[in-house]
Amino acid sequence: VGAGMKPPKFLKIGDTVSLGIEGLGSQSQTVVALEG
């Protein structure tokens, strides 16, 4: 996780996150500004 890195790393607008678990599929998100 980002909080455990040295130095910590956190998400910002425009970042993409992709993740998955074997046999359960995968997903992907993009960080967007709340407004609009």
PDB file of all heavy atoms in Angstrom:
ATOM      1  N   VAL A   1       0.848  -1.194   0.000  1.00  0.00           N
ATOM      2  CA  VAL A   1       0.000   0.000   0.000  1.00  0.00           C
ATOM      3  C   VAL A   1       0.882   1.241   0.000  1.00  0.00           C
ATOM      4  O   VAL A   1       2.040   1.207   0.435  1.00  0.00           O
ATOM      5  CB  VAL A   1      -0.965   0.004   1.204  1.00  0.00           C
ATOM      6  CG1 VAL A   1      -1.893  -1.189   1.134  1.00  0.00           C
ATOM      7  CG2 VAL A   1      -0.215   0.031   2.528  1.00  0.00           C
ATOM      8  N   GLY A   2       0.309   2.347  -0.476  1.00  0.00           N
ATOM      9  CA  GLY A   2       1.086   3.578  -0.593  1.00  0.00           C
ATOM     10  C   GLY A   2       1.614   4.087   0.729  1.00  0.00           C
ATOM     11  O   GLY A   2       2.741   4.594   0.817  1.00  0.00           O
ATOM     12  N   ALA A   3       0.801   3.936   1.780  1.00  0.00           N
ATOM     13  CA  ALA A   3       1.205   4.430   3.091  1.00  0.00           C
ATOM     14  C   ALA A   3       2.402   3.686   3.648  1.00  0.00           C
ATOM     15  O   ALA A   3       3.120   4.211   4.512  1.00  0.00           O
ATOM     16  CB  ALA A   3       0.034   4.332   4.069  1.00  0.00           C
ATOM     17  N   GLY A   4       2.651   2.466   3.159  1.00  0.00           N
ATOM     18  CA  GLY A   4       3.756   1.667   3.667  1.00  0.00           C
ATOM     19  C   GLY A   4       5.060   1.877   2.929  1.00  0.00           C
ATOM     20  O   GLY A   4       6.089   1.305   3.320  1.00  0.00           O
ATOM     21  N   MET A   5       5.042   2.697   1.884  1.00  0.00           N
ATOM     22  CA  MET A   5       6.251   2.921   1.098  1.00  0.00           C
ATOM     23  C   MET A   5       7.134   3.972   1.764  1.00  0.00           C
ATOM     24  O   MET A   5       6.692   4.779   2.570  1.00  0.00           O
ATOM     25  CB  MET A   5       5.876   3.335  -0.325  1.00  0.00           C
ATOM     26  CG  MET A   5       5.149   2.240  -1.067  1.00  0.00           C
ATOM     27  SD  MET A   5       4.791   2.689  -2.778  1.00  0.00           S
ATOM     28  CE  MET A   5       4.099   1.145  -3.366  1.00  0.00           C
ATOM     29  N   LYS A   6       8.396   3.960   1.388  1.00  0.00           N
ATOM     30  CA  LYS A   6       9.351   4.922   1.936  1.00  0.00           C
ATOM     31  C   LYS A   6      10.012   5.656   0.772  1.00  0.00           C
ATOM     32  O   LYS A   6      10.863   5.072   0.093  1.00  0.00           O
ATOM     33  CB  LYS A   6      10.393   4.211   2.794  1.00  0.00           C
ATOM     34  CG  LYS A   6       9.817   3.500   4.017  1.00  0.00           C
ATOM     35  CD  LYS A   6      10.875   2.850   4.840  1.00  0.00           C
ATOM     36  CE  LYS A   6      10.404   2.191   6.109  1.00  0.00           C
ATOM     37  NZ  LYS A   6       9.026   1.875   6.287  1.00  0.00           N
ATOM     38  N   PRO A   7       9.658   6.929   0.516  1.00  0.00           N
ATOM     39  CA  PRO A   7       8.605   7.681   1.206  1.00  0.00           C
ATOM     40  C   PRO A   7       7.223   7.208   0.757  1.00  0.00           C
ATOM     41  O   PRO A   7       7.104   6.538  -0.276  1.00  0.00           O
ATOM     42  CB  PRO A   7       8.857   9.119   0.755  1.00  0.00           C
ATOM     43  CG  PRO A   7       9.446   8.970  -0.609  1.00  0.00           C
ATOM     44  CD  PRO A   7      10.295   7.726  -0.548  1.00  0.00           C
ATOM     45  N   PRO A   8       6.165   7.567   1.514  1.00  0.00           N
ATOM     46  CA  PRO A   8       4.811   7.167   1.127  1.00  0.00           C
ATOM     47  C   PRO A   8       4.448   7.683  -0.265  1.00  0.00           C
ATOM     48  O   PRO A   8       4.923   8.735  -0.702  1.00  0.00           O
ATOM     49  CB  PRO A   8       3.927   7.808   2.207  1.00  0.00           C
ATOM     50  CG  PRO A   8       4.834   7.994   3.371  1.00  0.00           C
ATOM     51  CD  PRO A   8       6.180   8.311   2.783  1.00  0.00           C
ATOM     52  N   LYS A   9       3.579   6.928  -0.944  1.00  0.00           N
ATOM     53  CA  LYS A   9       3.117   7.291  -2.285  1.00  0.00           C
ATOM     54  C   LYS A   9       1.600   7.248  -2.288  1.00  0.00           C
ATOM     55  O   LYS A   9       1.016   6.258  -1.832  1.00  0.00           O
ATOM     56  CB  LYS A   9       3.682   6.311  -3.323  1.00  0.00           C
ATOM     57  CG  LYS A   9       3.256   6.577  -4.755  1.00  0.00           C
ATOM     58  CD  LYS A   9       3.836   5.509  -5.671  1.00  0.00           C
ATOM     59  CE  LYS A   9       3.359   5.682  -7.112  1.00  0.00           C
ATOM     60  NZ  LYS A   9       3.860   6.918  -7.730  1.00  0.00           N
ATOM     61  N   PHE A  10       0.974   8.304  -2.789  1.00  0.00           N
ATOM     62  CA  PHE A  10      -0.484   8.347  -2.786  1.00  0.00           C
ATOM     63  C   PHE A  10      -1.005   8.703  -4.178  1.00  0.00           C
ATOM     64  O   PHE A  10      -0.274   9.209  -5.040  1.00  0.00           O
ATOM     65  CB  PHE A  10      -0.981   9.348  -1.743  1.00  0.00           C
ATOM     66  CG  PHE A  10      -0.602   8.972  -0.334  1.00  0.00           C
ATOM     67  CD1 PHE A  10       0.340   9.716   0.369  1.00  0.00           C
ATOM     68  CD2 PHE A  10      -1.155   7.858   0.275  1.00  0.00           C
ATOM     69  CE1 PHE A  10       0.714   9.359   1.656  1.00  0.00           C
ATOM     70  CE2 PHE A  10      -0.793   7.488   1.567  1.00  0.00           C
ATOM     71  CZ  PHE A  10       0.151   8.244   2.256  1.00  0.00           C
ATOM     72  N   LEU A  11      -2.295   8.423  -4.390  1.00  0.00           N
ATOM     73  CA  LEU A  11      -2.914   8.637  -5.689  1.00  0.00           C
ATOM     74  C   LEU A  11      -3.215  10.107  -5.934  1.00  0.00           C
ATOM     75  O   LEU A  11      -3.510  10.855  -5.004  1.00  0.00           O
ATOM     76  CB  LEU A  11      -4.209   7.822  -5.789  1.00  0.00           C
ATOM     77  CG  LEU A  11      -4.045   6.308  -5.745  1.00  0.00           C
ATOM     78  CD1 LEU A  11      -5.409   5.633  -5.610  1.00  0.00           C
ATOM     79  CD2 LEU A  11      -3.312   5.804  -6.980  1.00  0.00           C
ATOM     80  N   LYS A  12      -3.190  10.480  -7.221  1.00  0.00           N
ATOM     81  CA  LYS A  12      -3.531  11.835  -7.636  1.00  0.00           C
ATOM     82  C   LYS A  12      -4.418  11.761  -8.874  1.00  0.00           C
ATOM     83  O   LYS A  12      -4.545  10.699  -9.507  1.00  0.00           O
ATOM     84  CB  LYS A  12      -2.262  12.647  -7.923  1.00  0.00           C
ATOM     85  CG  LYS A  12      -1.395  12.082  -9.020  1.00  0.00           C
ATOM     86  CD  LYS A  12      -0.092  12.855  -9.150  1.00  0.00           C
ATOM     87  CE  LYS A  12       0.747  12.343 -10.325  1.00  0.00           C
ATOM     88  NZ  LYS A  12       1.079  10.912 -10.242  1.00  0.00           N
ATOM     89  N   ILE A  13      -5.035  12.870  -9.213  1.00  0.00           N
ATOM     90  CA  ILE A  13      -5.926  12.911 -10.372  1.00  0.00           C
ATOM     91  C   ILE A  13      -5.171  12.474 -11.626  1.00  0.00           C
ATOM     92  O   ILE A  13      -4.041  12.913 -11.882  1.00  0.00           O
ATOM     93  CB  ILE A  13      -6.512  14.324 -10.542  1.00  0.00           C
ATOM     94  CG1 ILE A  13      -7.455  14.640  -9.371  1.00  0.00           C
ATOM     95  CG2 ILE A  13      -7.257  14.458 -11.866  1.00  0.00           C
ATOM     96  CD1 ILE A  13      -7.912  16.077  -9.331  1.00  0.00           C
ATOM     97  N   GLY A  14      -5.799  11.599 -12.396  1.00  0.00           N
ATOM     98  CA  GLY A  14      -5.207  11.082 -13.623  1.00  0.00           C
ATOM     99  C   GLY A  14      -4.542   9.732 -13.470  1.00  0.00           C
ATOM    100  O   GLY A  14      -4.275   9.051 -14.476  1.00  0.00           O
ATOM    101  N   ASP A  15      -4.263   9.299 -12.237  1.00  0.00           N
ATOM    102  CA  ASP A  15      -3.652   7.986 -12.017  1.00  0.00           C
ATOM    103  C   ASP A  15      -4.637   6.873 -12.376  1.00  0.00           C
ATOM    104  O   ASP A  15      -5.855   7.024 -12.232  1.00  0.00           O
ATOM    105  CB  ASP A  15      -3.237   7.819 -10.558  1.00  0.00           C
ATOM    106  CG  ASP A  15      -1.984   8.603 -10.195  1.00  0.00           C
ATOM    107  OD1 ASP A  15      -1.291   9.081 -11.122  1.00  0.00           O
ATOM    108  OD2 ASP A  15      -1.698   8.742  -8.991  1.00  0.00           O
ATOM    109  N   THR A  16      -4.101   5.746 -12.811  1.00  0.00           N
ATOM    110  CA  THR A  16      -4.916   4.567 -13.074  1.00  0.00           C
ATOM    111  C   THR A  16      -4.497   3.449 -12.129  1.00  0.00           C
ATOM    112  O   THR A  16      -3.312   3.264 -11.834  1.00  0.00           O
ATOM    113  CB  THR A  16      -4.780   4.082 -14.524  1.00  0.00           C
ATOM    114  OG1 THR A  16      -3.410   3.759 -14.795  1.00  0.00           O
ATOM    115  CG2 THR A  16      -5.250   5.146 -15.496  1.00  0.00           C
ATOM    116  N   VAL A  17      -5.481   2.718 -11.633  1.00  0.00           N
ATOM    117  CA  VAL A  17      -5.251   1.599 -10.721  1.00  0.00           C
ATOM    118  C   VAL A  17      -5.861   0.358 -11.358  1.00  0.00           C
ATOM    119  O   VAL A  17      -7.032   0.368 -11.750  1.00  0.00           O
ATOM    120  CB  VAL A  17      -5.896   1.856  -9.340  1.00  0.00           C
ATOM    121  CG1 VAL A  17      -5.597   0.706  -8.388  1.00  0.00           C
ATOM    122  CG2 VAL A  17      -5.413   3.178  -8.750  1.00  0.00           C
ATOM    123  N   SER A  18      -5.063  -0.700 -11.479  1.00  0.00           N
ATOM    124  CA  SER A  18      -5.548  -1.970 -12.004  1.00  0.00           C
ATOM    125  C   SER A  18      -5.222  -3.051 -10.983  1.00  0.00           C
ATOM    126  O   SER A  18      -4.147  -3.037 -10.383  1.00  0.00           O
ATOM    127  CB  SER A  18      -4.879  -2.312 -13.342  1.00  0.00           C
ATOM    128  OG  SER A  18      -5.128  -1.297 -14.301  1.00  0.00           O
ATOM    129  N   LEU A  19      -6.152  -3.983 -10.791  1.00  0.00           N
ATOM    130  CA  LEU A  19      -5.969  -4.998  -9.761  1.00  0.00           C
ATOM    131  C   LEU A  19      -6.750  -6.250 -10.102  1.00  0.00           C
ATOM    132  O   LEU A  19      -7.685  -6.209 -10.911  1.00  0.00           O
ATOM    133  CB  LEU A  19      -6.402  -4.463  -8.393  1.00  0.00           C
ATOM    134  CG  LEU A  19      -7.848  -3.964  -8.255  1.00  0.00           C
ATOM    135  CD1 LEU A  19      -8.373  -4.227  -6.852  1.00  0.00           C
ATOM    136  CD2 LEU A  19      -7.918  -2.460  -8.559  1.00  0.00           C
ATOM    137  N   GLY A  20      -6.365  -7.359  -9.471  1.00  0.00           N
ATOM    138  CA  GLY A  20      -7.086  -8.590  -9.720  1.00  0.00           C
ATOM    139  C   GLY A  20      -6.674  -9.688  -8.769  1.00  0.00           C
ATOM    140  O   GLY A  20      -5.670  -9.589  -8.060  1.00  0.00           O
ATOM    141  N   ILE A  21      -7.485 -10.745  -8.760  1.00  0.00           N
ATOM    142  CA  ILE A  21      -7.224 -11.948  -7.978  1.00  0.00           C
ATOM    143  C   ILE A  21      -7.455 -13.132  -8.906  1.00  0.00           C
ATOM    144  O   ILE A  21      -8.460 -13.177  -9.636  1.00  0.00           O
ATOM    145  CB  ILE A  21      -8.144 -12.037  -6.746  1.00  0.00           C
ATOM    146  CG1 ILE A  21      -7.941 -10.826  -5.828  1.00  0.00           C
ATOM    147  CG2 ILE A  21      -7.893 -13.334  -5.987  1.00  0.00           C
ATOM    148  CD1 ILE A  21      -8.873 -10.804  -4.623  1.00  0.00           C
ATOM    149  N   GLU A  22      -6.537 -14.096  -8.872  1.00  0.00           N
ATOM    150  CA  GLU A  22      -6.632 -15.246  -9.775  1.00  0.00           C
ATOM    151  C   GLU A  22      -7.963 -15.974  -9.605  1.00  0.00           C
ATOM    152  O   GLU A  22      -8.367 -16.306  -8.491  1.00  0.00           O
ATOM    153  CB  GLU A  22      -5.480 -16.207  -9.508  1.00  0.00           C
ATOM    154  CG  GLU A  22      -5.417 -17.362 -10.498  1.00  0.00           C
ATOM    155  CD  GLU A  22      -4.176 -18.215 -10.308  1.00  0.00           C
ATOM    156  OE1 GLU A  22      -3.072 -17.694 -10.579  1.00  0.00           O
ATOM    157  OE2 GLU A  22      -4.310 -19.371  -9.875  1.00  0.00           O
ATOM    158  N   GLY A  23      -8.659 -16.159 -10.717  1.00  0.00           N
ATOM    159  CA  GLY A  23      -9.933 -16.849 -10.712  1.00  0.00           C
ATOM    160  C   GLY A  23     -11.137 -15.973 -10.440  1.00  0.00           C
ATOM    161  O   GLY A  23     -12.273 -16.398 -10.647  1.00  0.00           O
ATOM    162  N   LEU A  24     -10.885 -14.744  -9.963  1.00  0.00           N
ATOM    163  CA  LEU A  24     -11.985 -13.836  -9.620  1.00  0.00           C
ATOM    164  C   LEU A  24     -12.078 -12.639 -10.560  1.00  0.00           C
ATOM    165  O   LEU A  24     -13.000 -11.831 -10.422  1.00  0.00           O
ATOM    166  CB  LEU A  24     -11.835 -13.335  -8.180  1.00  0.00           C
ATOM    167  CG  LEU A  24     -11.727 -14.406  -7.090  1.00  0.00           C
ATOM    168  CD1 LEU A  24     -11.660 -13.747  -5.720  1.00  0.00           C
ATOM    169  CD2 LEU A  24     -12.900 -15.377  -7.152  1.00  0.00           C
ATOM    170  N   GLY A  25     -11.141 -12.519 -11.508  1.00  0.00           N
ATOM    171  CA  GLY A  25     -11.194 -11.433 -12.464  1.00  0.00           C
ATOM    172  C   GLY A  25     -10.384 -10.224 -12.046  1.00  0.00           C
ATOM    173  O   GLY A  25      -9.656 -10.242 -11.047  1.00  0.00           O
ATOM    174  N   SER A  26     -10.509  -9.155 -12.837  1.00  0.00           N
ATOM    175  CA  SER A  26      -9.731  -7.947 -12.595  1.00  0.00           C
ATOM    176  C   SER A  26     -10.601  -6.715 -12.810  1.00  0.00           C
ATOM    177  O   SER A  26     -11.687  -6.791 -13.386  1.00  0.00           O
ATOM    178  CB  SER A  26      -8.510  -7.896 -13.518  1.00  0.00           C
ATOM    179  OG  SER A  26      -8.908  -7.890 -14.886  1.00  0.00           O
ATOM    180  N   GLN A  27     -10.108  -5.602 -12.325  1.00  0.00           N
ATOM    181  CA  GLN A  27     -10.813  -4.329 -12.457  1.00  0.00           C
ATOM    182  C   GLN A  27      -9.811  -3.207 -12.657  1.00  0.00           C
ATOM    183  O   GLN A  27      -8.608  -3.377 -12.423  1.00  0.00           O
ATOM    184  CB  GLN A  27     -11.689  -4.067 -11.231  1.00  0.00           C
ATOM    185  CG  GLN A  27     -10.978  -4.187  -9.901  1.00  0.00           C
ATOM    186  CD  GLN A  27     -11.853  -3.906  -8.690  1.00  0.00           C
ATOM    187  OE1 GLN A  27     -11.622  -2.941  -7.980  1.00  0.00           O
ATOM    188  NE2 GLN A  27     -12.851  -4.761  -8.432  1.00  0.00           N
ATOM    189  N   SER A  28     -10.298  -2.039 -13.105  1.00  0.00           N
ATOM    190  CA  SER A  28      -9.417  -0.905 -13.347  1.00  0.00           C
ATOM    191  C   SER A  28     -10.175   0.390 -13.118  1.00  0.00           C
ATOM    192  O   SER A  28     -11.349   0.497 -13.506  1.00  0.00           O
ATOM    193  CB  SER A  28      -8.871  -0.939 -14.778  1.00  0.00           C
ATOM    194  OG  SER A  28      -7.975   0.125 -15.017  1.00  0.00           O
ATOM    195  N   GLN A  29      -9.508   1.353 -12.468  1.00  0.00           N
ATOM    196  CA  GLN A  29     -10.128   2.648 -12.207  1.00  0.00           C
ATOM    197  C   GLN A  29      -9.172   3.790 -12.559  1.00  0.00           C
ATOM    198  O   GLN A  29      -7.947   3.616 -12.546  1.00  0.00           O
ATOM    199  CB  GLN A  29     -10.520   2.786 -10.728  1.00  0.00           C
ATOM    200  CG  GLN A  29     -11.448   1.720 -10.195  1.00  0.00           C
ATOM    201  CD  GLN A  29     -10.732   0.620  -9.457  1.00  0.00           C
ATOM    202  OE1 GLN A  29      -9.695   0.838  -8.836  1.00  0.00           O
ATOM    203  NE2 GLN A  29     -11.278  -0.595  -9.492  1.00  0.00           N
ATOM    204  N   THR A  30      -9.754   4.944 -12.826  1.00  0.00           N
ATOM    205  CA  THR A  30      -8.986   6.176 -13.018  1.00  0.00           C
ATOM    206  C   THR A  30      -9.414   7.185 -11.967  1.00  0.00           C
ATOM    207  O   THR A  30     -10.603   7.308 -11.673  1.00  0.00           O
ATOM    208  CB  THR A  30      -9.223   6.758 -14.425  1.00  0.00           C
ATOM    209  OG1 THR A  30      -8.818   5.795 -15.409  1.00  0.00           O
ATOM    210  CG2 THR A  30      -8.422   8.039 -14.628  1.00  0.00           C
ATOM    211  N   VAL A  31      -8.432   7.883 -11.400  1.00  0.00           N
ATOM    212  CA  VAL A  31      -8.729   8.907 -10.402  1.00  0.00           C
ATOM    213  C   VAL A  31      -9.176  10.170 -11.120  1.00  0.00           C
ATOM    214  O   VAL A  31      -8.472  10.686 -11.990  1.00  0.00           O
ATOM    215  CB  VAL A  31      -7.500   9.201  -9.519  1.00  0.00           C
ATOM    216  CG1 VAL A  31      -7.845  10.220  -8.435  1.00  0.00           C
ATOM    217  CG2 VAL A  31      -6.962   7.919  -8.892  1.00  0.00           C
ATOM    218  N   VAL A  32     -10.368  10.678 -10.754  1.00  0.00           N
ATOM    219  CA  VAL A  32     -10.915  11.870 -11.398  1.00  0.00           C
ATOM    220  C   VAL A  32     -11.321  12.881 -10.331  1.00  0.00           C
ATOM    221  O   VAL A  32     -11.600  12.532  -9.188  1.00  0.00           O
ATOM    222  CB  VAL A  32     -12.132  11.533 -12.288  1.00  0.00           C
ATOM    223  CG1 VAL A  32     -11.768  10.515 -13.355  1.00  0.00           C
ATOM    224  CG2 VAL A  32     -13.301  11.023 -11.452  1.00  0.00           C
ATOM    225  N   ALA A  33     -11.341  14.146 -10.733  1.00  0.00           N
ATOM    226  CA  ALA A  33     -11.778  15.193  -9.817  1.00  0.00           C
ATOM    227  C   ALA A  33     -13.246  14.995  -9.475  1.00  0.00           C
ATOM    228  O   ALA A  33     -14.059  14.637 -10.333  1.00  0.00           O
ATOM    229  CB  ALA A  33     -11.568  16.567 -10.438  1.00  0.00           C
ATOM    230  N   LEU A  34     -13.590  15.216  -8.224  1.00  0.00           N
ATOM    231  CA  LEU A  34     -14.963  15.010  -7.776  1.00  0.00           C
ATOM    232  C   LEU A  34     -15.954  15.873  -8.562  1.00  0.00           C
ATOM    233  O   LEU A  34     -16.987  15.397  -9.009  1.00  0.00           O
ATOM    234  CB  LEU A  34     -15.070  15.336  -6.281  1.00  0.00           C
ATOM    235  CG  LEU A  34     -16.463  15.310  -5.664  1.00  0.00           C
ATOM    236  CD1 LEU A  34     -17.057  13.905  -5.757  1.00  0.00           C
ATOM    237  CD2 LEU A  34     -16.407  15.769  -4.200  1.00  0.00           C
ATOM    238  N   GLU A  35     -15.640  17.125  -8.754  1.00  0.00           N
ATOM    239  CA  GLU A  35     -16.567  18.046  -9.419  1.00  0.00           C
ATOM    240  C   GLU A  35     -16.770  17.630 -10.874  1.00  0.00           C
ATOM    241  O   GLU A  35     -15.816  17.468 -11.647  1.00  0.00           O
ATOM    242  CB  GLU A  35     -16.035  19.469  -9.361  1.00  0.00           C
ATOM    243  CG  GLU A  35     -17.006  20.496  -9.919  1.00  0.00           C
ATOM    244  CD  GLU A  35     -16.497  21.936  -9.768  1.00  0.00           C
ATOM    245  OE1 GLU A  35     -15.448  22.120  -9.131  1.00  0.00           O
ATOM    246  OE2 GLU A  35     -17.161  22.853 -10.280  1.00  0.00           O
ATOM    247  N   GLY A  36     -18.015  17.427 -11.256  1.00  0.00           N
ATOM    248  CA  GLY A  36     -18.352  17.117 -12.640  1.00  0.00           C
ATOM    249  C   GLY A  36     -18.103  15.678 -13.036  1.00  0.00           C
ATOM    250  O   GLY A  36     -18.258  15.317 -14.195  1.00  0.00           O
TER     251      GLY A  36
END
